[in-house]
Amino acid sequence: MWKLKFTSQFKKDYKRIQNQPEKLKALDAVLSALAATGTVPQEYLPHPLSGNWANHMECHIKGDFLLIWYDKGAGIIKLVRMGSHSELFSK
């Protein structure tokens, strides 16, 4: 079992989607998999990021709704951000 840690930015992102039950349900499925196995099923297209997000992972929760996390090792996964491509990667 992996322990999930939430950044303050992740908590803000979560608050933004609280009234969107489809996204919450999809997010719950991904977080359950992360907590249980430390990985995300391939159907969510998990992949490593580069550049400013090097050492982080990303997956597509539902369409253009993404999750970014960091595996800190020792059974801890740090949930960093969630949102659309434009929200997460715009300059």
PDB file of N, CA and C in Angstrom:
ATOM      1  N   MET A   1       0.840  -1.178   0.000  1.00  0.00           N
ATOM      2  CA  MET A   1       0.000   0.000   0.000  1.00  0.00           C
ATOM      3  C   MET A   1       0.887   1.245   0.000  1.00  0.00           C
ATOM      4  N   TRP A   2       0.592   2.154  -0.902  1.00  0.00           N
ATOM      5  CA  TRP A   2       1.346   3.396  -1.018  1.00  0.00           C
ATOM      6  C   TRP A   2       0.605   4.514  -0.300  1.00  0.00           C
ATOM      7  N   LYS A   3       1.349   5.434   0.284  1.00  0.00           N
ATOM      8  CA  LYS A   3       0.749   6.590   0.952  1.00  0.00           C
ATOM      9  C   LYS A   3       0.725   7.754  -0.036  1.00  0.00           C
ATOM     10  N   LEU A   4      -0.432   8.392  -0.182  1.00  0.00           N
ATOM     11  CA  LEU A   4      -0.578   9.532  -1.087  1.00  0.00           C
ATOM     12  C   LEU A   4      -0.466  10.822  -0.289  1.00  0.00           C
ATOM     13  N   LYS A   5       0.440  11.694  -0.714  1.00  0.00           N
ATOM     14  CA  LYS A   5       0.605  13.020  -0.107  1.00  0.00           C
ATOM     15  C   LYS A   5       0.094  14.057  -1.104  1.00  0.00           C
ATOM     16  N   PHE A   6      -0.582  15.069  -0.620  1.00  0.00           N
ATOM     17  CA  PHE A   6      -1.182  16.090  -1.468  1.00  0.00           C
ATOM     18  C   PHE A   6      -0.464  17.421  -1.293  1.00  0.00           C
ATOM     19  N   THR A   7      -0.031  18.031  -2.408  1.00  0.00           N
ATOM     20  CA  THR A   7       0.538  19.377  -2.321  1.00  0.00           C
ATOM     21  C   THR A   7      -0.602  20.371  -2.135  1.00  0.00           C
ATOM     22  N   SER A   8      -0.273  21.574  -1.693  1.00  0.00           N
ATOM     23  CA  SER A   8      -1.308  22.600  -1.533  1.00  0.00           C
ATOM     24  C   SER A   8      -1.930  22.959  -2.886  1.00  0.00           C
ATOM     25  N   GLN A   9      -1.141  22.928  -3.957  1.00  0.00           N
ATOM     26  CA  GLN A   9      -1.682  23.221  -5.288  1.00  0.00           C
ATOM     27  C   GLN A   9      -2.651  22.118  -5.726  1.00  0.00           C
ATOM     28  N   PHE A  10      -2.336  20.869  -5.416  1.00  0.00           N
ATOM     29  CA  PHE A  10      -3.238  19.772  -5.745  1.00  0.00           C
ATOM     30  C   PHE A  10      -4.573  19.957  -5.017  1.00  0.00           C
ATOM     31  N   LYS A  11      -4.511  20.369  -3.757  1.00  0.00           N
ATOM     32  CA  LYS A  11      -5.741  20.604  -2.993  1.00  0.00           C
ATOM     33  C   LYS A  11      -6.588  21.710  -3.626  1.00  0.00           C
ATOM     34  N   LYS A  12      -5.935  22.751  -4.146  1.00  0.00           N
ATOM     35  CA  LYS A  12      -6.658  23.823  -4.842  1.00  0.00           C
ATOM     36  C   LYS A  12      -7.284  23.301  -6.127  1.00  0.00           C
ATOM     37  N   ASP A  13      -6.528  22.491  -6.861  1.00  0.00           N
ATOM     38  CA  ASP A  13      -7.052  21.892  -8.096  1.00  0.00           C
ATOM     39  C   ASP A  13      -8.253  21.004  -7.771  1.00  0.00           C
ATOM     40  N   TYR A  14      -8.175  20.248  -6.688  1.00  0.00           N
ATOM     41  CA  TYR A  14      -9.269  19.366  -6.283  1.00  0.00           C
ATOM     42  C   TYR A  14     -10.522  20.179  -5.951  1.00  0.00           C
ATOM     43  N   LYS A  15     -10.329  21.270  -5.251  1.00  0.00           N
ATOM     44  CA  LYS A  15     -11.455  22.129  -4.876  1.00  0.00           C
ATOM     45  C   LYS A  15     -12.193  22.646  -6.115  1.00  0.00           C
ATOM     46  N   ARG A  16     -11.442  22.911  -7.198  1.00  0.00           N
ATOM     47  CA  ARG A  16     -12.036  23.407  -8.439  1.00  0.00           C
ATOM     48  C   ARG A  16     -12.980  22.403  -9.088  1.00  0.00           C
ATOM     49  N   ILE A  17     -12.746  21.106  -8.868  1.00  0.00           N
ATOM     50  CA  ILE A  17     -13.561  20.094  -9.542  1.00  0.00           C
ATOM     51  C   ILE A  17     -14.593  19.439  -8.621  1.00  0.00           C
ATOM     52  N   GLN A  18     -14.760  19.929  -7.421  1.00  0.00           N
ATOM     53  CA  GLN A  18     -15.651  19.295  -6.457  1.00  0.00           C
ATOM     54  C   GLN A  18     -17.093  19.158  -6.947  1.00  0.00           C
ATOM     55  N   ASN A  19     -17.539  19.998  -7.854  1.00  0.00           N
ATOM     56  CA  ASN A  19     -18.910  19.929  -8.365  1.00  0.00           C
ATOM     57  C   ASN A  19     -18.995  19.207  -9.706  1.00  0.00           C
ATOM     58  N   GLN A  20     -17.994  18.391 -10.015  1.00  0.00           N
ATOM     59  CA  GLN A  20     -17.965  17.643 -11.276  1.00  0.00           C
ATOM     60  C   GLN A  20     -17.840  16.149 -10.961  1.00  0.00           C
ATOM     61  N   PRO A  21     -18.969  15.483 -10.717  1.00  0.00           N
ATOM     62  CA  PRO A  21     -18.929  14.093 -10.255  1.00  0.00           C
ATOM     63  C   PRO A  21     -18.238  13.117 -11.201  1.00  0.00           C
ATOM     64  N   GLU A  22     -18.321  13.332 -12.502  1.00  0.00           N
ATOM     65  CA  GLU A  22     -17.643  12.417 -13.438  1.00  0.00           C
ATOM     66  C   GLU A  22     -16.129  12.474 -13.257  1.00  0.00           C
ATOM     67  N   LYS A  23     -15.600  13.684 -13.116  1.00  0.00           N
ATOM     68  CA  LYS A  23     -14.155  13.825 -12.910  1.00  0.00           C
ATOM     69  C   LYS A  23     -13.743  13.253 -11.561  1.00  0.00           C
ATOM     70  N   LEU A  24     -14.550  13.476 -10.540  1.00  0.00           N
ATOM     71  CA  LEU A  24     -14.227  12.953  -9.218  1.00  0.00           C
ATOM     72  C   LEU A  24     -14.205  11.431  -9.213  1.00  0.00           C
ATOM     73  N   LYS A  25     -15.157  10.820  -9.890  1.00  0.00           N
ATOM     74  CA  LYS A  25     -15.218   9.360  -9.958  1.00  0.00           C
ATOM     75  C   LYS A  25     -13.997   8.796 -10.698  1.00  0.00           C
ATOM     76  N   ALA A  26     -13.640   9.427 -11.817  1.00  0.00           N
ATOM     77  CA  ALA A  26     -12.468   8.990 -12.586  1.00  0.00           C
ATOM     78  C   ALA A  26     -11.187   9.199 -11.776  1.00  0.00           C
ATOM     79  N   LEU A  27     -11.080  10.327 -11.093  1.00  0.00           N
ATOM     80  CA  LEU A  27      -9.907  10.601 -10.259  1.00  0.00           C
ATOM     81  C   LEU A  27      -9.799   9.561  -9.145  1.00  0.00           C
ATOM     82  N   ASP A  28     -10.913   9.222  -8.527  1.00  0.00           N
ATOM     83  CA  ASP A  28     -10.906   8.233  -7.450  1.00  0.00           C
ATOM     84  C   ASP A  28     -10.368   6.888  -7.940  1.00  0.00           C
ATOM     85  N   ALA A  29     -10.750   6.496  -9.148  1.00  0.00           N
ATOM     86  CA  ALA A  29     -10.265   5.227  -9.705  1.00  0.00           C
ATOM     87  C   ALA A  29      -8.743   5.246  -9.873  1.00  0.00           C
ATOM     88  N   VAL A  30      -8.208   6.359 -10.370  1.00  0.00           N
ATOM     89  CA  VAL A  30      -6.759   6.478 -10.574  1.00  0.00           C
ATOM     90  C   VAL A  30      -6.029   6.509  -9.230  1.00  0.00           C
ATOM     91  N   LEU A  31      -6.543   7.281  -8.282  1.00  0.00           N
ATOM     92  CA  LEU A  31      -5.890   7.371  -6.973  1.00  0.00           C
ATOM     93  C   LEU A  31      -5.941   6.043  -6.225  1.00  0.00           C
ATOM     94  N   SER A  32      -7.019   5.298  -6.388  1.00  0.00           N
ATOM     95  CA  SER A  32      -7.110   3.975  -5.767  1.00  0.00           C
ATOM     96  C   SER A  32      -6.036   3.043  -6.328  1.00  0.00           C
ATOM     97  N   ALA A  33      -5.836   3.091  -7.637  1.00  0.00           N
ATOM     98  CA  ALA A  33      -4.797   2.268  -8.260  1.00  0.00           C
ATOM     99  C   ALA A  33      -3.415   2.687  -7.778  1.00  0.00           C
ATOM    100  N   LEU A  34      -3.166   3.988  -7.713  1.00  0.00           N
ATOM    101  CA  LEU A  34      -1.872   4.480  -7.233  1.00  0.00           C
ATOM    102  C   LEU A  34      -1.622   4.042  -5.796  1.00  0.00           C
ATOM    103  N   ALA A  35      -2.626   4.161  -4.948  1.00  0.00           N
ATOM    104  CA  ALA A  35      -2.466   3.800  -3.545  1.00  0.00           C
ATOM    105  C   ALA A  35      -2.241   2.297  -3.382  1.00  0.00           C
ATOM    106  N   ALA A  36      -2.898   1.504  -4.211  1.00  0.00           N
ATOM    107  CA  ALA A  36      -2.794   0.051  -4.090  1.00  0.00           C
ATOM    108  C   ALA A  36      -1.501  -0.506  -4.675  1.00  0.00           C
ATOM    109  N   THR A  37      -1.082   0.023  -5.836  1.00  0.00           N
ATOM    110  CA  THR A  37       0.041  -0.581  -6.550  1.00  0.00           C
ATOM    111  C   THR A  37       1.227   0.343  -6.791  1.00  0.00           C
ATOM    112  N   GLY A  38       1.023   1.644  -6.659  1.00  0.00           N
ATOM    113  CA  GLY A  38       2.090   2.597  -6.972  1.00  0.00           C
ATOM    114  C   GLY A  38       2.183   2.906  -8.450  1.00  0.00           C
ATOM    115  N   THR A  39       1.269   2.330  -9.242  1.00  0.00           N
ATOM    116  CA  THR A  39       1.243   2.571 -10.685  1.00  0.00           C
ATOM    117  C   THR A  39      -0.187   2.865 -11.131  1.00  0.00           C
ATOM    118  N   VAL A  40      -0.288   3.326 -12.371  1.00  0.00           N
ATOM    119  CA  VAL A  40      -1.588   3.628 -12.978  1.00  0.00           C
ATOM    120  C   VAL A  40      -1.795   2.663 -14.138  1.00  0.00           C
ATOM    121  N   PRO A  41      -2.998   2.103 -14.293  1.00  0.00           N
ATOM    122  CA  PRO A  41      -3.250   1.200 -15.429  1.00  0.00           C
ATOM    123  C   PRO A  41      -2.957   1.880 -16.770  1.00  0.00           C
ATOM    124  N   GLN A  42      -2.534   1.088 -17.750  1.00  0.00           N
ATOM    125  CA  GLN A  42      -2.154   1.606 -19.065  1.00  0.00           C
ATOM    126  C   GLN A  42      -3.290   2.339 -19.780  1.00  0.00           C
ATOM    127  N   GLU A  43      -4.532   2.040 -19.445  1.00  0.00           N
ATOM    128  CA  GLU A  43      -5.655   2.724 -20.095  1.00  0.00           C
ATOM    129  C   GLU A  43      -5.646   4.231 -19.841  1.00  0.00           C
ATOM    130  N   TYR A  44      -4.930   4.671 -18.801  1.00  0.00           N
ATOM    131  CA  TYR A  44      -4.825   6.104 -18.487  1.00  0.00           C
ATOM    132  C   TYR A  44      -3.583   6.747 -19.107  1.00  0.00           C
ATOM    133  N   LEU A  45      -2.875   6.009 -19.910  1.00  0.00           N
ATOM    134  CA  LEU A  45      -1.698   6.492 -20.652  1.00  0.00           C
ATOM    135  C   LEU A  45      -0.643   7.145 -19.748  1.00  0.00           C
ATOM    136  N   PRO A  46      -0.202   6.475 -18.698  1.00  0.00           N
ATOM    137  CA  PRO A  46       0.836   7.076 -17.850  1.00  0.00           C
ATOM    138  C   PRO A  46       2.162   7.198 -18.590  1.00  0.00           C
ATOM    139  N   HIS A  47       2.853   8.316 -18.371  1.00  0.00           N
ATOM    140  CA  HIS A  47       4.155   8.520 -19.003  1.00  0.00           C
ATOM    141  C   HIS A  47       4.968   9.539 -18.212  1.00  0.00           C
ATOM    142  N   PRO A  48       6.307   9.441 -18.300  1.00  0.00           N
ATOM    143  CA  PRO A  48       7.165  10.404 -17.607  1.00  0.00           C
ATOM    144  C   PRO A  48       7.161  11.745 -18.337  1.00  0.00           C
ATOM    145  N   LEU A  49       7.387  12.794 -17.581  1.00  0.00           N
ATOM    146  CA  LEU A  49       7.480  14.140 -18.158  1.00  0.00           C
ATOM    147  C   LEU A  49       8.940  14.564 -18.225  1.00  0.00           C
ATOM    148  N   SER A  50       9.185  15.632 -18.982  1.00  0.00           N
ATOM    149  CA  SER A  50      10.549  16.148 -19.112  1.00  0.00           C
ATOM    150  C   SER A  50      10.531  17.654 -18.889  1.00  0.00           C
ATOM    151  N   GLY A  51      11.670  18.270 -19.068  1.00  0.00           N
ATOM    152  CA  GLY A  51      11.774  19.718 -18.895  1.00  0.00           C
ATOM    153  C   GLY A  51      11.574  20.106 -17.437  1.00  0.00           C
ATOM    154  N   ASN A  52      10.746  21.132 -17.208  1.00  0.00           N
ATOM    155  CA  ASN A  52      10.483  21.602 -15.843  1.00  0.00           C
ATOM    156  C   ASN A  52       9.826  20.529 -14.977  1.00  0.00           C
ATOM    157  N   TRP A  53       9.205  19.555 -15.609  1.00  0.00           N
ATOM    158  CA  TRP A  53       8.498  18.490 -14.887  1.00  0.00           C
ATOM    159  C   TRP A  53       9.297  17.174 -14.880  1.00  0.00           C
ATOM    160  N   ALA A  54      10.601  17.241 -15.111  1.00  0.00           N
ATOM    161  CA  ALA A  54      11.426  16.028 -15.108  1.00  0.00           C
ATOM    162  C   ALA A  54      11.243  15.286 -13.780  1.00  0.00           C
ATOM    163  N   ASN A  55      11.278  13.976 -13.827  1.00  0.00           N
ATOM    164  CA  ASN A  55      11.095  13.085 -12.681  1.00  0.00           C
ATOM    165  C   ASN A  55       9.647  12.981 -12.206  1.00  0.00           C
ATOM    166  N   HIS A  56       8.730  13.615 -12.911  1.00  0.00           N
ATOM    167  CA  HIS A  56       7.311  13.510 -12.593  1.00  0.00           C
ATOM    168  C   HIS A  56       6.636  12.605 -13.622  1.00  0.00           C
ATOM    169  N   MET A  57       5.475  12.070 -13.243  1.00  0.00           N
ATOM    170  CA  MET A  57       4.661  11.246 -14.131  1.00  0.00           C
ATOM    171  C   MET A  57       3.344  11.968 -14.385  1.00  0.00           C
ATOM    172  N   GLU A  58       2.734  11.639 -15.533  1.00  0.00           N
ATOM    173  CA  GLU A  58       1.445  12.215 -15.891  1.00  0.00           C
ATOM    174  C   GLU A  58       0.558  11.102 -16.431  1.00  0.00           C
ATOM    175  N   CYS A  59      -0.738  11.228 -16.211  1.00  0.00           N
ATOM    176  CA  CYS A  59      -1.688  10.326 -16.857  1.00  0.00           C
ATOM    177  C   CYS A  59      -2.944  11.108 -17.226  1.00  0.00           C
ATOM    178  N   HIS A  60      -3.682  10.549 -18.162  1.00  0.00           N
ATOM    179  CA  HIS A  60      -4.926  11.160 -18.635  1.00  0.00           C
ATOM    180  C   HIS A  60      -6.078  10.498 -17.883  1.00  0.00           C
ATOM    181  N   ILE A  61      -6.634  11.214 -16.936  1.00  0.00           N
ATOM    182  CA  ILE A  61      -7.711  10.660 -16.125  1.00  0.00           C
ATOM    183  C   ILE A  61      -8.972  10.492 -16.964  1.00  0.00           C
ATOM    184  N   LYS A  62      -9.311  11.529 -17.687  1.00  0.00           N
ATOM    185  CA  LYS A  62     -10.524  11.512 -18.522  1.00  0.00           C
ATOM    186  C   LYS A  62     -10.355  12.592 -19.581  1.00  0.00           C
ATOM    187  N   GLY A  63     -10.162  12.201 -20.828  1.00  0.00           N
ATOM    188  CA  GLY A  63      -9.980  13.186 -21.897  1.00  0.00           C
ATOM    189  C   GLY A  63      -8.776  14.069 -21.644  1.00  0.00           C
ATOM    190  N   ASP A  64      -9.015  15.375 -21.551  1.00  0.00           N
ATOM    191  CA  ASP A  64      -7.946  16.347 -21.318  1.00  0.00           C
ATOM    192  C   ASP A  64      -7.843  16.704 -19.831  1.00  0.00           C
ATOM    193  N   PHE A  65      -8.214  15.814 -18.961  1.00  0.00           N
ATOM    194  CA  PHE A  65      -8.109  16.000 -17.514  1.00  0.00           C
ATOM    195  C   PHE A  65      -6.939  15.147 -17.040  1.00  0.00           C
ATOM    196  N   LEU A  66      -5.861  15.796 -16.604  1.00  0.00           N
ATOM    197  CA  LEU A  66      -4.585  15.139 -16.327  1.00  0.00           C
ATOM    198  C   LEU A  66      -4.246  15.134 -14.841  1.00  0.00           C
ATOM    199  N   LEU A  67      -3.424  14.182 -14.464  1.00  0.00           N
ATOM    200  CA  LEU A  67      -2.886  14.111 -13.114  1.00  0.00           C
ATOM    201  C   LEU A  67      -1.368  14.061 -13.216  1.00  0.00           C
ATOM    202  N   ILE A  68      -0.692  14.869 -12.394  1.00  0.00           N
ATOM    203  CA  ILE A  68       0.772  14.852 -12.318  1.00  0.00           C
ATOM    204  C   ILE A  68       1.158  14.441 -10.905  1.00  0.00           C
ATOM    205  N   TRP A  69       2.065  13.454 -10.821  1.00  0.00           N
ATOM    206  CA  TRP A  69       2.528  13.002  -9.521  1.00  0.00           C
ATOM    207  C   TRP A  69       4.021  12.725  -9.560  1.00  0.00           C
ATOM    208  N   TYR A  70       4.564  12.537  -8.367  1.00  0.00           N
ATOM    209  CA  TYR A  70       5.989  12.282  -8.195  1.00  0.00           C
ATOM    210  C   TYR A  70       6.137  11.120  -7.222  1.00  0.00           C
ATOM    211  N   ASP A  71       6.877  10.107  -7.605  1.00  0.00           N
ATOM    212  CA  ASP A  71       7.129   8.953  -6.750  1.00  0.00           C
ATOM    213  C   ASP A  71       8.325   9.284  -5.871  1.00  0.00           C
ATOM    214  N   LYS A  72       8.076   9.558  -4.608  1.00  0.00           N
ATOM    215  CA  LYS A  72       9.147   9.941  -3.694  1.00  0.00           C
ATOM    216  C   LYS A  72       9.919   8.743  -3.162  1.00  0.00           C
ATOM    217  N   GLY A  73       9.483   7.543  -3.513  1.00  0.00           N
ATOM    218  CA  GLY A  73      10.132   6.347  -2.986  1.00  0.00           C
ATOM    219  C   GLY A  73       9.635   6.054  -1.576  1.00  0.00           C
ATOM    220  N   ALA A  74      10.087   4.958  -1.009  1.00  0.00           N
ATOM    221  CA  ALA A  74       9.719   4.557   0.355  1.00  0.00           C
ATOM    222  C   ALA A  74       8.206   4.506   0.545  1.00  0.00           C
ATOM    223  N   GLY A  75       7.473   4.143  -0.528  1.00  0.00           N
ATOM    224  CA  GLY A  75       6.033   3.975  -0.412  1.00  0.00           C
ATOM    225  C   GLY A  75       5.231   5.256  -0.366  1.00  0.00           C
ATOM    226  N   ILE A  76       5.807   6.371  -0.821  1.00  0.00           N
ATOM    227  CA  ILE A  76       5.098   7.656  -0.797  1.00  0.00           C
ATOM    228  C   ILE A  76       4.988   8.215  -2.214  1.00  0.00           C
ATOM    229  N   ILE A  77       3.777   8.610  -2.591  1.00  0.00           N
ATOM    230  CA  ILE A  77       3.531   9.258  -3.882  1.00  0.00           C
ATOM    231  C   ILE A  77       2.992  10.654  -3.603  1.00  0.00           C
ATOM    232  N   LYS A  78       3.656  11.651  -4.177  1.00  0.00           N
ATOM    233  CA  LYS A  78       3.268  13.045  -3.988  1.00  0.00           C
ATOM    234  C   LYS A  78       2.406  13.472  -5.161  1.00  0.00           C
ATOM    235  N   LEU A  79       1.140  13.798  -4.902  1.00  0.00           N
ATOM    236  CA  LEU A  79       0.224  14.280  -5.933  1.00  0.00           C
ATOM    237  C   LEU A  79       0.441  15.780  -6.092  1.00  0.00           C
ATOM    238  N   VAL A  80       0.849  16.191  -7.295  1.00  0.00           N
ATOM    239  CA  VAL A  80       1.328  17.557  -7.509  1.00  0.00           C
ATOM    240  C   VAL A  80       0.252  18.457  -8.111  1.00  0.00           C
ATOM    241  N   ARG A  81      -0.344  18.055  -9.247  1.00  0.00           N
ATOM    242  CA  ARG A  81      -1.318  18.900  -9.947  1.00  0.00           C
ATOM    243  C   ARG A  81      -2.335  18.040 -10.662  1.00  0.00           C
ATOM    244  N   MET A  82      -3.470  18.647 -10.995  1.00  0.00           N
ATOM    245  CA  MET A  82      -4.418  18.049 -11.924  1.00  0.00           C
ATOM    246  C   MET A  82      -5.142  19.167 -12.637  1.00  0.00           C
ATOM    247  N   GLY A  83      -5.503  18.911 -13.892  1.00  0.00           N
ATOM    248  CA  GLY A  83      -6.185  19.904 -14.716  1.00  0.00           C
ATOM    249  C   GLY A  83      -5.967  19.584 -16.179  1.00  0.00           C
ATOM    250  N   SER A  84      -6.315  20.526 -17.030  1.00  0.00           N
ATOM    251  CA  SER A  84      -6.157  20.343 -18.473  1.00  0.00           C
ATOM    252  C   SER A  84      -4.723  20.654 -18.890  1.00  0.00           C
ATOM    253  N   HIS A  85      -4.379  20.287 -20.132  1.00  0.00           N
ATOM    254  CA  HIS A  85      -3.051  20.623 -20.670  1.00  0.00           C
ATOM    255  C   HIS A  85      -2.783  22.114 -20.561  1.00  0.00           C
ATOM    256  N   SER A  86      -3.758  22.927 -20.965  1.00  0.00           N
ATOM    257  CA  SER A  86      -3.535  24.378 -20.971  1.00  0.00           C
ATOM    258  C   SER A  86      -3.369  24.926 -19.554  1.00  0.00           C
ATOM    259  N   GLU A  87      -4.044  24.351 -18.581  1.00  0.00           N
ATOM    260  CA  GLU A  87      -3.909  24.818 -17.193  1.00  0.00           C
ATOM    261  C   GLU A  87      -2.543  24.428 -16.608  1.00  0.00           C
ATOM    262  N   LEU A  88      -2.051  23.272 -16.984  1.00  0.00           N
ATOM    263  CA  LEU A  88      -0.833  22.756 -16.377  1.00  0.00           C
ATOM    264  C   LEU A  88       0.444  23.136 -17.101  1.00  0.00           C
ATOM    265  N   PHE A  89       0.375  23.308 -18.409  1.00  0.00           N
ATOM    266  CA  PHE A  89       1.602  23.491 -19.189  1.00  0.00           C
ATOM    267  C   PHE A  89       1.698  24.823 -19.926  1.00  0.00           C
ATOM    268  N   SER A  90       0.797  25.744 -19.679  1.00  0.00           N
ATOM    269  CA  SER A  90       0.898  27.047 -20.380  1.00  0.00           C
ATOM    270  C   SER A  90       1.972  27.885 -19.698  1.00  0.00           C
ATOM    271  N   LYS A  91       2.593  28.744 -20.476  1.00  0.00           N
ATOM    272  CA  LYS A  91       3.675  29.572 -19.942  1.00  0.00           C
ATOM    273  C   LYS A  91       3.190  30.945 -19.627  1.00  0.00           C
TER     274      LYS A  91
END
